[in-house]
N, C-alpha and C. Protein backbone atom coordinates (compact mmCIF):
# COMPACT_ATOMS: atom_id res chain seq x y z
N MET A 1 2.31 18.45 21.75
CA MET A 1 1.06 18.36 21.02
C MET A 1 0.98 16.96 20.41
N SER A 2 -0.09 16.25 20.70
CA SER A 2 -0.26 14.90 20.15
C SER A 2 -0.87 14.98 18.74
N ILE A 3 -0.84 13.84 18.08
CA ILE A 3 -1.41 13.72 16.74
C ILE A 3 -2.17 12.40 16.68
N HIS A 4 -3.32 12.40 16.02
CA HIS A 4 -4.12 11.19 15.89
C HIS A 4 -3.57 10.34 14.75
N ILE A 5 -3.46 9.04 14.99
CA ILE A 5 -2.94 8.12 13.98
C ILE A 5 -3.95 7.01 13.74
N GLU A 6 -4.19 6.71 12.49
CA GLU A 6 -4.99 5.55 12.11
C GLU A 6 -4.16 4.74 11.12
N ILE A 7 -4.02 3.44 11.42
CA ILE A 7 -3.31 2.53 10.53
C ILE A 7 -4.28 1.43 10.15
N VAL A 8 -4.52 1.31 8.84
CA VAL A 8 -5.52 0.38 8.33
C VAL A 8 -4.88 -0.46 7.22
N THR A 9 -5.20 -1.77 7.22
CA THR A 9 -4.81 -2.66 6.12
C THR A 9 -6.11 -3.15 5.48
N PRO A 10 -6.04 -3.86 4.37
CA PRO A 10 -7.27 -4.40 3.79
C PRO A 10 -8.01 -5.35 4.74
N GLU A 11 -7.29 -5.94 5.70
CA GLU A 11 -7.91 -6.91 6.61
C GLU A 11 -8.47 -6.30 7.89
N ARG A 12 -7.86 -5.20 8.39
CA ARG A 12 -8.27 -4.70 9.70
C ARG A 12 -7.71 -3.31 9.98
N LYS A 13 -8.28 -2.69 11.02
CA LYS A 13 -7.74 -1.44 11.54
C LYS A 13 -6.82 -1.82 12.70
N LEU A 14 -5.54 -1.46 12.60
CA LEU A 14 -4.57 -1.81 13.64
C LEU A 14 -4.52 -0.77 14.75
N VAL A 15 -4.61 0.49 14.38
CA VAL A 15 -4.45 1.56 15.37
C VAL A 15 -5.41 2.69 15.06
N ALA A 16 -5.99 3.23 16.12
CA ALA A 16 -6.73 4.49 16.07
C ALA A 16 -6.50 5.12 17.44
N ASP A 17 -5.50 5.99 17.53
CA ASP A 17 -5.07 6.49 18.83
C ASP A 17 -4.35 7.83 18.66
N ASP A 18 -4.20 8.55 19.76
CA ASP A 18 -3.40 9.76 19.78
C ASP A 18 -2.00 9.39 20.26
N VAL A 19 -0.98 9.86 19.56
CA VAL A 19 0.41 9.56 19.90
C VAL A 19 1.21 10.86 19.95
N ASP A 20 2.39 10.78 20.55
CA ASP A 20 3.27 11.95 20.61
C ASP A 20 3.99 12.16 19.28
N MET A 21 4.36 11.04 18.64
CA MET A 21 5.09 11.11 17.38
C MET A 21 4.96 9.78 16.66
N ILE A 22 5.02 9.83 15.35
CA ILE A 22 5.06 8.61 14.53
C ILE A 22 6.26 8.71 13.59
N SER A 23 6.96 7.60 13.46
CA SER A 23 8.06 7.50 12.50
C SER A 23 7.66 6.42 11.50
N LEU A 24 7.82 6.72 10.21
CA LEU A 24 7.41 5.75 9.20
C LEU A 24 8.27 5.86 7.95
N PRO A 25 8.28 4.79 7.13
CA PRO A 25 9.09 4.80 5.91
C PRO A 25 8.35 5.46 4.75
N GLY A 26 8.63 6.71 4.52
CA GLY A 26 8.00 7.43 3.42
C GLY A 26 8.74 7.20 2.11
N GLU A 27 8.26 7.81 1.09
CA GLU A 27 8.83 7.69 -0.26
C GLU A 27 10.30 8.07 -0.30
N ASP A 28 10.68 9.09 0.46
CA ASP A 28 12.07 9.58 0.44
C ASP A 28 12.87 9.16 1.67
N GLY A 29 12.43 8.12 2.36
CA GLY A 29 13.15 7.64 3.54
C GLY A 29 12.31 7.75 4.80
N GLN A 30 12.91 7.36 5.92
CA GLN A 30 12.23 7.38 7.21
C GLN A 30 11.93 8.82 7.60
N MET A 31 10.71 9.07 8.08
CA MET A 31 10.35 10.42 8.48
C MET A 31 9.58 10.40 9.79
N GLY A 32 9.79 11.44 10.59
CA GLY A 32 9.09 11.59 11.85
C GLY A 32 8.02 12.65 11.72
N ILE A 33 6.86 12.38 12.32
CA ILE A 33 5.73 13.30 12.20
C ILE A 33 5.22 13.64 13.59
N LEU A 34 5.10 14.93 13.85
CA LEU A 34 4.56 15.45 15.10
C LEU A 34 3.26 16.19 14.80
N GLY A 35 2.50 16.48 15.84
CA GLY A 35 1.30 17.28 15.68
C GLY A 35 1.65 18.63 15.06
N GLY A 36 0.79 19.13 14.19
CA GLY A 36 1.03 20.39 13.52
C GLY A 36 1.86 20.27 12.25
N HIS A 37 2.14 19.05 11.82
CA HIS A 37 2.95 18.82 10.60
C HIS A 37 2.22 19.39 9.39
N ALA A 38 2.98 19.85 8.43
CA ALA A 38 2.41 20.36 7.17
C ALA A 38 1.72 19.21 6.43
N PRO A 39 0.64 19.50 5.72
CA PRO A 39 -0.04 18.46 4.94
C PRO A 39 0.91 17.79 3.95
N LEU A 40 0.71 16.48 3.78
CA LEU A 40 1.61 15.70 2.95
C LEU A 40 0.90 14.44 2.50
N LEU A 41 1.15 14.02 1.28
CA LEU A 41 0.65 12.75 0.77
C LEU A 41 1.85 12.05 0.15
N THR A 42 2.14 10.82 0.60
CA THR A 42 3.30 10.10 0.10
C THR A 42 3.02 8.60 0.08
N THR A 43 3.85 7.88 -0.65
CA THR A 43 3.73 6.43 -0.64
C THR A 43 4.52 5.88 0.54
N LEU A 44 4.16 4.68 0.93
CA LEU A 44 4.77 4.00 2.06
C LEU A 44 5.70 2.92 1.53
N GLY A 45 6.92 2.89 2.03
CA GLY A 45 7.87 1.89 1.59
C GLY A 45 7.84 0.66 2.48
N ILE A 46 8.85 -0.18 2.33
CA ILE A 46 9.05 -1.33 3.21
C ILE A 46 9.91 -0.84 4.37
N GLY A 47 9.40 -0.95 5.58
CA GLY A 47 10.15 -0.46 6.73
C GLY A 47 9.39 -0.62 8.01
N GLU A 48 9.80 0.17 9.01
CA GLU A 48 9.15 0.07 10.31
C GLU A 48 8.40 1.35 10.64
N ILE A 49 7.28 1.15 11.29
CA ILE A 49 6.53 2.26 11.87
C ILE A 49 6.79 2.20 13.37
N VAL A 50 7.11 3.35 13.95
CA VAL A 50 7.30 3.43 15.39
C VAL A 50 6.33 4.48 15.91
N LEU A 51 5.47 4.06 16.84
CA LEU A 51 4.53 4.97 17.49
C LEU A 51 5.10 5.31 18.86
N HIS A 52 5.27 6.60 19.13
CA HIS A 52 5.81 7.05 20.41
C HIS A 52 4.67 7.66 21.21
N LYS A 53 4.51 7.17 22.45
CA LYS A 53 3.45 7.69 23.31
C LYS A 53 3.85 7.53 24.76
N GLY A 54 3.90 8.63 25.47
CA GLY A 54 4.17 8.59 26.90
C GLY A 54 5.44 7.86 27.28
N GLY A 55 6.49 8.02 26.51
CA GLY A 55 7.76 7.36 26.82
C GLY A 55 7.86 5.93 26.34
N ASN A 56 6.79 5.38 25.78
CA ASN A 56 6.81 4.02 25.23
C ASN A 56 6.89 4.09 23.71
N ALA A 57 7.39 3.00 23.13
CA ALA A 57 7.47 2.90 21.67
C ALA A 57 6.83 1.59 21.24
N GLU A 58 5.99 1.66 20.23
CA GLU A 58 5.31 0.49 19.66
C GLU A 58 5.85 0.30 18.24
N TYR A 59 6.31 -0.92 17.92
CA TYR A 59 6.94 -1.19 16.63
C TYR A 59 6.04 -2.03 15.74
N MET A 60 6.04 -1.68 14.46
CA MET A 60 5.28 -2.43 13.47
C MET A 60 6.10 -2.57 12.20
N ALA A 61 5.93 -3.69 11.52
CA ALA A 61 6.51 -3.87 10.19
C ALA A 61 5.44 -3.46 9.18
N VAL A 62 5.86 -2.80 8.11
CA VAL A 62 4.91 -2.33 7.11
C VAL A 62 5.53 -2.47 5.72
N ALA A 63 4.68 -2.76 4.75
CA ALA A 63 5.16 -2.89 3.37
C ALA A 63 4.11 -2.35 2.42
N GLY A 64 4.40 -1.21 1.83
CA GLY A 64 3.55 -0.64 0.80
C GLY A 64 2.32 0.07 1.32
N GLY A 65 1.83 1.00 0.53
CA GLY A 65 0.62 1.72 0.87
C GLY A 65 0.79 3.21 0.65
N VAL A 66 -0.09 3.98 1.27
CA VAL A 66 -0.03 5.43 1.18
C VAL A 66 -0.22 6.04 2.56
N VAL A 67 0.29 7.26 2.71
CA VAL A 67 0.19 8.00 3.96
C VAL A 67 -0.34 9.39 3.66
N GLU A 68 -1.37 9.79 4.40
CA GLU A 68 -1.86 11.17 4.33
C GLU A 68 -1.58 11.82 5.67
N VAL A 69 -0.89 12.94 5.64
CA VAL A 69 -0.57 13.69 6.86
C VAL A 69 -1.33 15.00 6.82
N ARG A 70 -2.04 15.27 7.91
CA ARG A 70 -2.68 16.57 8.12
C ARG A 70 -2.15 17.09 9.45
N PRO A 71 -2.31 18.35 9.77
CA PRO A 71 -1.75 18.87 11.03
C PRO A 71 -2.20 18.13 12.28
N ASP A 72 -3.41 17.57 12.26
CA ASP A 72 -3.95 16.91 13.46
C ASP A 72 -4.12 15.40 13.32
N LYS A 73 -3.80 14.83 12.14
CA LYS A 73 -4.08 13.41 11.92
C LYS A 73 -3.18 12.82 10.85
N VAL A 74 -2.77 11.56 11.07
CA VAL A 74 -2.02 10.79 10.07
C VAL A 74 -2.85 9.56 9.76
N THR A 75 -3.11 9.32 8.48
CA THR A 75 -3.82 8.13 8.05
C THR A 75 -2.88 7.29 7.20
N VAL A 76 -2.68 6.04 7.64
CA VAL A 76 -1.82 5.11 6.92
C VAL A 76 -2.71 4.01 6.35
N LEU A 77 -2.74 3.90 5.03
CA LEU A 77 -3.44 2.81 4.35
C LEU A 77 -2.35 1.88 3.85
N ALA A 78 -2.08 0.83 4.63
CA ALA A 78 -0.95 -0.06 4.35
C ALA A 78 -1.41 -1.31 3.62
N ASP A 79 -0.58 -1.76 2.67
CA ASP A 79 -0.85 -3.04 2.02
C ASP A 79 -0.72 -4.16 3.04
N VAL A 80 0.34 -4.10 3.85
CA VAL A 80 0.62 -5.09 4.89
C VAL A 80 1.19 -4.36 6.09
N ALA A 81 0.71 -4.68 7.29
CA ALA A 81 1.28 -4.13 8.53
C ALA A 81 1.01 -5.12 9.65
N GLU A 82 2.00 -5.27 10.54
CA GLU A 82 1.82 -6.17 11.68
C GLU A 82 2.68 -5.71 12.84
N TYR A 83 2.14 -5.90 14.06
CA TYR A 83 2.88 -5.61 15.27
C TYR A 83 4.03 -6.59 15.44
N ALA A 84 5.05 -6.18 16.17
CA ALA A 84 6.22 -7.03 16.42
C ALA A 84 5.81 -8.37 17.02
N ASP A 85 4.88 -8.35 17.96
CA ASP A 85 4.52 -9.61 18.64
C ASP A 85 3.57 -10.49 17.82
N GLU A 86 3.19 -10.05 16.64
CA GLU A 86 2.37 -10.87 15.75
C GLU A 86 3.20 -11.61 14.70
N ILE A 87 4.47 -11.29 14.60
CA ILE A 87 5.32 -11.86 13.56
C ILE A 87 5.73 -13.28 13.94
N ASP A 88 5.53 -14.21 13.02
CA ASP A 88 5.96 -15.59 13.19
C ASP A 88 7.42 -15.67 12.73
N VAL A 89 8.33 -15.77 13.70
CA VAL A 89 9.76 -15.72 13.40
C VAL A 89 10.19 -16.89 12.51
N GLU A 90 9.69 -18.08 12.78
CA GLU A 90 10.07 -19.25 11.96
C GLU A 90 9.64 -19.06 10.51
N ARG A 91 8.44 -18.55 10.32
CA ARG A 91 7.95 -18.31 8.96
C ARG A 91 8.78 -17.23 8.25
N ALA A 92 9.13 -16.18 8.99
CA ALA A 92 9.95 -15.11 8.41
C ALA A 92 11.35 -15.62 8.05
N GLU A 93 11.92 -16.46 8.91
CA GLU A 93 13.24 -17.04 8.62
C GLU A 93 13.18 -17.94 7.39
N ALA A 94 12.11 -18.72 7.26
CA ALA A 94 11.94 -19.60 6.09
C ALA A 94 11.80 -18.76 4.82
N ALA A 95 11.04 -17.68 4.89
CA ALA A 95 10.87 -16.80 3.72
C ALA A 95 12.20 -16.16 3.33
N ARG A 96 12.97 -15.75 4.34
CA ARG A 96 14.28 -15.16 4.05
C ARG A 96 15.18 -16.17 3.35
N GLU A 97 15.18 -17.40 3.84
CA GLU A 97 16.02 -18.44 3.25
C GLU A 97 15.60 -18.75 1.81
N ARG A 98 14.29 -18.82 1.56
CA ARG A 98 13.81 -19.06 0.19
C ARG A 98 14.25 -17.94 -0.75
N ALA A 99 14.12 -16.70 -0.29
CA ALA A 99 14.51 -15.56 -1.12
C ALA A 99 16.02 -15.57 -1.39
N ARG A 100 16.80 -15.85 -0.36
CA ARG A 100 18.26 -15.92 -0.53
C ARG A 100 18.65 -17.00 -1.53
N GLN A 101 18.03 -18.17 -1.41
CA GLN A 101 18.33 -19.28 -2.32
C GLN A 101 17.98 -18.91 -3.76
N SER A 102 16.81 -18.33 -3.94
CA SER A 102 16.39 -17.94 -5.29
C SER A 102 17.36 -16.94 -5.91
N LEU A 103 17.78 -15.96 -5.12
CA LEU A 103 18.72 -14.96 -5.63
C LEU A 103 20.09 -15.57 -5.91
N ALA A 104 20.53 -16.49 -5.06
CA ALA A 104 21.83 -17.14 -5.24
C ALA A 104 21.84 -18.05 -6.46
N GLU A 105 20.70 -18.67 -6.75
CA GLU A 105 20.61 -19.59 -7.88
C GLU A 105 20.45 -18.85 -9.20
N GLY A 106 20.22 -17.57 -9.14
CA GLY A 106 20.09 -16.78 -10.36
C GLY A 106 18.69 -16.84 -10.93
N VAL A 107 17.84 -15.96 -10.45
CA VAL A 107 16.47 -15.89 -10.95
C VAL A 107 16.44 -15.09 -12.25
N PRO A 108 15.44 -15.31 -13.09
CA PRO A 108 15.31 -14.49 -14.31
C PRO A 108 15.23 -13.01 -13.94
N SER A 109 15.75 -12.16 -14.78
CA SER A 109 15.85 -10.73 -14.47
C SER A 109 14.50 -10.10 -14.14
N GLU A 110 13.42 -10.58 -14.75
CA GLU A 110 12.10 -9.99 -14.45
C GLU A 110 11.60 -10.39 -13.07
N ARG A 111 12.12 -11.47 -12.48
CA ARG A 111 11.71 -11.91 -11.13
C ARG A 111 12.64 -11.39 -10.04
N ARG A 112 13.80 -10.89 -10.42
CA ARG A 112 14.79 -10.45 -9.42
C ARG A 112 14.24 -9.37 -8.48
N PRO A 113 13.58 -8.31 -8.98
CA PRO A 113 13.04 -7.30 -8.05
C PRO A 113 12.03 -7.89 -7.06
N VAL A 114 11.26 -8.86 -7.49
CA VAL A 114 10.28 -9.51 -6.60
C VAL A 114 11.00 -10.24 -5.48
N MET A 115 12.06 -10.98 -5.82
CA MET A 115 12.81 -11.74 -4.82
C MET A 115 13.59 -10.81 -3.89
N GLU A 116 14.11 -9.71 -4.43
CA GLU A 116 14.81 -8.74 -3.58
C GLU A 116 13.85 -8.09 -2.59
N ALA A 117 12.63 -7.78 -3.04
CA ALA A 117 11.62 -7.22 -2.14
C ALA A 117 11.22 -8.24 -1.07
N ALA A 118 11.10 -9.51 -1.46
CA ALA A 118 10.77 -10.57 -0.49
C ALA A 118 11.87 -10.68 0.56
N LEU A 119 13.12 -10.57 0.15
CA LEU A 119 14.24 -10.62 1.09
C LEU A 119 14.21 -9.41 2.03
N ARG A 120 13.95 -8.21 1.50
CA ARG A 120 13.85 -7.01 2.35
C ARG A 120 12.72 -7.15 3.36
N ARG A 121 11.56 -7.66 2.91
CA ARG A 121 10.42 -7.82 3.81
C ARG A 121 10.73 -8.82 4.92
N SER A 122 11.33 -9.96 4.58
CA SER A 122 11.61 -10.96 5.61
C SER A 122 12.67 -10.46 6.58
N ASN A 123 13.69 -9.76 6.09
CA ASN A 123 14.69 -9.17 7.00
C ASN A 123 14.06 -8.15 7.93
N LEU A 124 13.17 -7.32 7.39
CA LEU A 124 12.46 -6.33 8.21
C LEU A 124 11.62 -7.02 9.27
N ARG A 125 10.86 -8.03 8.89
CA ARG A 125 9.99 -8.73 9.84
C ARG A 125 10.81 -9.32 10.98
N LEU A 126 11.98 -9.88 10.67
CA LEU A 126 12.83 -10.45 11.72
C LEU A 126 13.38 -9.35 12.63
N LYS A 127 13.78 -8.23 12.05
CA LYS A 127 14.28 -7.11 12.85
C LYS A 127 13.21 -6.61 13.82
N ILE A 128 12.00 -6.43 13.31
CA ILE A 128 10.90 -5.93 14.14
C ILE A 128 10.51 -6.97 15.20
N ALA A 129 10.47 -8.24 14.84
CA ALA A 129 10.12 -9.30 15.79
C ALA A 129 11.08 -9.32 16.96
N HIS A 130 12.34 -9.06 16.73
CA HIS A 130 13.33 -9.09 17.81
C HIS A 130 13.17 -7.91 18.76
N ARG A 131 12.49 -6.87 18.33
CA ARG A 131 12.24 -5.72 19.22
C ARG A 131 11.26 -6.07 20.34
N ARG A 132 10.45 -7.09 20.15
CA ARG A 132 9.44 -7.42 21.16
C ARG A 132 10.07 -7.78 22.49
N SER A 133 11.31 -8.27 22.48
CA SER A 133 11.97 -8.62 23.74
C SER A 133 12.40 -7.37 24.51
N ARG A 134 12.38 -6.21 23.85
CA ARG A 134 12.80 -4.98 24.50
C ARG A 134 11.62 -4.11 24.92
N ARG A 135 10.43 -4.67 24.88
CA ARG A 135 9.26 -3.90 25.31
C ARG A 135 8.23 -4.84 25.91
N ARG A 136 7.25 -4.25 26.57
CA ARG A 136 6.18 -5.06 27.16
C ARG A 136 5.34 -5.70 26.07
N ARG A 137 4.87 -6.91 26.35
CA ARG A 137 4.06 -7.64 25.37
C ARG A 137 2.69 -6.99 25.18
N GLU A 138 2.10 -6.52 26.25
CA GLU A 138 0.79 -5.88 26.12
C GLU A 138 0.95 -4.48 25.56
N ARG A 139 -0.16 -3.92 25.13
CA ARG A 139 -0.16 -2.56 24.63
C ARG A 139 -1.12 -1.71 25.48
N PRO A 140 -0.84 -1.58 26.79
CA PRO A 140 -1.79 -0.87 27.64
C PRO A 140 -1.92 0.61 27.30
N ASP A 141 -0.89 1.21 26.72
CA ASP A 141 -0.94 2.62 26.39
C ASP A 141 -1.41 2.89 24.97
N PHE A 142 -1.70 1.81 24.24
CA PHE A 142 -2.14 1.96 22.85
C PHE A 142 -3.48 1.27 22.68
N GLU A 143 -4.36 1.93 21.98
CA GLU A 143 -5.64 1.33 21.65
C GLU A 143 -5.50 0.68 20.30
N GLY A 144 -5.74 -0.61 20.21
CA GLY A 144 -5.64 -1.32 18.93
C GLY A 144 -6.92 -1.23 18.15
N GLY A 145 -6.92 -1.94 17.01
CA GLY A 145 -8.10 -1.90 16.15
C GLY A 145 -9.02 -2.99 16.39
């Protein structure tokens, strides 16, 4: 049984498609959702979204937002989301280095959570970007936004 997924950011709609399964970073950790799932409303963490359809997997980096799950539809309102092939690796590496330097130099305690989140986001973006070499560049089985 498939489930309809919509992923929207403030800038654009990334996905509106039927998939076999979606995996996403919920409030209590990574969770998999299939058609017929019980209704659920949760916050979205920093992590990866994986869309499974017809034996293919589509990877996205996501940071923050909310998720509404209904038996026939999942709606993701993400603060930030991007496909693996949209990630600028050089920019992500530079952001990771800046965050590492700031943490190593000893940032004020009120800024530390911000820098730790920046480091998690840049590490995630690099992890997701490297997945693009393990899949086709086009998304013929997925309808984008």
